[in-house]
Each structure stands twice: as C-alpha cells, then as structure tokens.
Amino acid sequence: AANEEAIKLNKTLRTQDETLEKSLPELQREADRMIAELRSRALNMQERIAQDELKNAEDLLDKVKKLFGEPSEKNEDLKNEVRDKLASYHTKVDDAQDLLREATSKIREADRLSAVN
C-alpha cells in the first residue's frame, strides 16, 4: 500500500515533460535536509530584535501609565473625596434644617405660652 502511494506521489510530482522525476525517498531526504538547514540557522539576530522591540513596548506602556494612568487614578481619588465631602455636607445641612424646624416649633410654642400668660 505504501509502495502504491509512493508511485502515485511520484506521478503527481512529475513535470509535464517528465525530465525531473523524484522518488519518495529522495523527496524525504530533501525535506530532511531542508529541515536540518532551518534548524541549524542562527536566529539570534531575530530574537535580539524581538527582545528589543518587547523592551521598547514595555517602556512605552510604562510611560503611558505614568502620563495617563497615575493622573487618572489621582483624579478618581479626588472625585471620590469630593463626593464624600458633599455627602457629609448634605447630611449636615439636613441636620441643620431639622434643628431649624425644631427651633421654629419651640418659638411658636413659647409665643403661644407668652400670649396665654
């Protein structure tokens, strides 16, 4: 079965004028040689370039965080602080209005008692 497949593969790989005909073992050897050549090539330069690009990208990210992230966080903190103070002042105003209503009520009561006396 493997031999039949090799014959079919050889037929498929033939050129139209059949001047170049390679057998399956020849193709396998050529593929192995290509793979070995690719593995033996030094890819150090590409790796170094990729490492430099990664470092530059990380540096840029740090700058963006410093320029925009930190001020944004500070603004968010200030906004929350202002919101808390406004809530506190709102509560104090409500308390003051309650005291004012109570005082008005007591003044009316005192005026009424004064008129009775």
Protein backbone atom coordinates (compact mmCIF):
# COMPACT_ATOMS: atom_id res chain seq x y z
CA ALA A 1 0.00 0.00 0.00
CA ALA A 2 2.82 2.38 0.86
CA ASN A 3 4.57 1.50 -2.38
CA GLU A 4 1.41 2.27 -4.35
CA GLU A 5 1.11 5.60 -2.55
CA ALA A 6 4.75 6.36 -3.41
CA ILE A 7 4.07 5.57 -7.08
CA LYS A 8 1.02 7.86 -7.05
CA LEU A 9 3.05 10.57 -5.32
CA ASN A 10 5.85 10.23 -7.87
CA LYS A 11 3.33 10.54 -10.70
CA THR A 12 1.88 13.65 -9.09
CA LEU A 13 5.31 15.23 -8.68
CA ARG A 14 6.47 14.65 -12.26
CA THR A 15 6.76 17.66 -14.55
CA GLN A 16 4.88 17.67 -17.82
CA ASP A 17 7.94 16.70 -19.86
CA GLU A 18 8.93 14.22 -17.12
CA THR A 19 12.55 15.40 -17.13
CA LEU A 20 12.52 15.72 -13.33
CA GLU A 21 11.30 12.67 -11.53
CA LYS A 22 11.98 12.23 -7.83
CA SER A 23 11.20 9.23 -5.75
CA LEU A 24 9.63 9.40 -2.34
CA PRO A 25 12.92 8.61 -0.54
CA GLU A 26 14.66 11.38 -2.49
CA LEU A 27 11.93 13.84 -1.54
CA GLN A 28 12.12 12.70 2.08
CA ARG A 29 15.91 13.23 2.11
CA GLU A 30 15.50 16.66 0.55
CA ALA A 31 12.83 17.61 3.10
CA ASP A 32 15.04 16.32 5.95
CA ARG A 33 17.96 18.34 4.59
CA MET A 34 15.82 21.49 4.44
CA ILE A 35 14.58 20.97 7.99
CA ALA A 36 18.13 20.40 9.24
CA GLU A 37 19.27 23.57 7.48
CA LEU A 38 16.47 25.58 9.05
CA ARG A 39 17.29 24.20 12.48
CA SER A 40 20.98 24.95 12.08
CA ARG A 41 20.46 28.60 11.12
CA ALA A 42 21.17 31.01 13.90
CA LEU A 43 18.08 33.01 14.66
CA ASN A 44 19.85 35.03 17.32
CA MET A 45 19.57 38.29 15.41
CA GLN A 46 15.79 37.98 15.05
CA GLU A 47 15.50 37.02 18.69
CA ARG A 48 17.58 40.05 19.72
CA ILE A 49 15.43 42.34 17.58
CA ALA A 50 12.26 40.85 19.07
CA GLN A 51 13.64 41.31 22.60
CA ASP A 52 14.49 44.95 21.83
CA GLU A 53 11.00 45.53 20.45
CA LEU A 54 9.47 43.92 23.53
CA LYS A 55 11.55 46.13 25.84
CA ASN A 56 10.59 49.24 23.84
CA ALA A 57 6.91 48.26 24.03
CA GLU A 58 7.14 47.72 27.79
CA ASP A 59 8.88 51.10 28.21
CA LEU A 60 6.17 52.78 26.16
CA LEU A 61 3.49 51.11 28.27
CA ASP A 62 5.18 52.37 31.44
CA LYS A 63 5.27 55.92 30.04
CA VAL A 64 1.61 55.78 29.07
CA LYS A 65 0.69 54.51 32.53
CA LYS A 66 2.78 57.25 34.14
CA LEU A 67 1.38 60.01 31.94
CA PHE A 68 -2.25 58.92 31.92
CA GLY A 69 -2.82 56.12 34.41
CA GLU A 70 -1.48 57.74 37.57
CA PRO A 71 -3.16 61.14 37.00
CA SER A 72 -6.40 59.36 36.16
CA GLU A 73 -6.20 57.40 39.42
CA LYS A 74 -5.45 60.61 41.35
CA ASN A 75 -8.41 62.34 39.68
CA GLU A 76 -10.63 59.40 40.57
CA ASP A 77 -9.44 59.57 44.20
CA LEU A 78 -10.10 63.33 44.31
CA LYS A 79 -13.54 62.84 42.77
CA ASN A 80 -14.40 60.24 45.41
CA GLU A 81 -13.10 62.52 48.16
CA VAL A 82 -15.22 65.45 46.90
CA ARG A 83 -18.25 63.16 46.61
CA ASP A 84 -17.76 62.02 50.23
CA LYS A 85 -17.42 65.62 51.46
CA LEU A 86 -20.53 66.68 49.56
CA ALA A 87 -22.46 63.78 51.11
CA SER A 88 -21.20 64.83 54.54
CA TYR A 89 -22.21 68.47 53.94
CA HIS A 90 -25.62 67.33 52.67
CA THR A 91 -26.13 65.38 55.89
CA LYS A 92 -25.08 68.42 57.96
CA VAL A 93 -27.48 70.68 56.03
CA ASP A 94 -30.31 68.19 56.63
CA ASP A 95 -29.43 68.15 60.36
CA ALA A 96 -29.37 71.97 60.42
CA GLN A 97 -32.80 72.12 58.73
CA ASP A 98 -34.17 69.68 61.31
CA LEU A 99 -32.77 71.85 64.14
CA LEU A 100 -34.23 74.98 62.50
CA ARG A 101 -37.69 73.37 62.26
CA GLU A 102 -37.42 72.27 65.90
CA ALA A 103 -36.38 75.77 66.97
CA THR A 104 -39.22 77.34 64.96
CA SER A 105 -41.67 74.98 66.60
CA LYS A 106 -40.34 75.86 70.10
CA ILE A 107 -40.50 79.60 69.33
CA ARG A 108 -44.15 79.24 68.29
CA GLU A 109 -44.83 77.27 71.45
CA ALA A 110 -43.08 79.94 73.52
CA ASP A 111 -45.07 82.72 71.77
CA ARG A 112 -48.28 80.87 72.48
CA LEU A 113 -47.38 80.40 76.15
CA SER A 114 -46.35 84.03 76.38
CA ALA A 115 -49.72 85.12 74.98
CA VAL A 116 -51.50 82.86 77.48
CA ASN A 117 -49.54 84.36 80.38
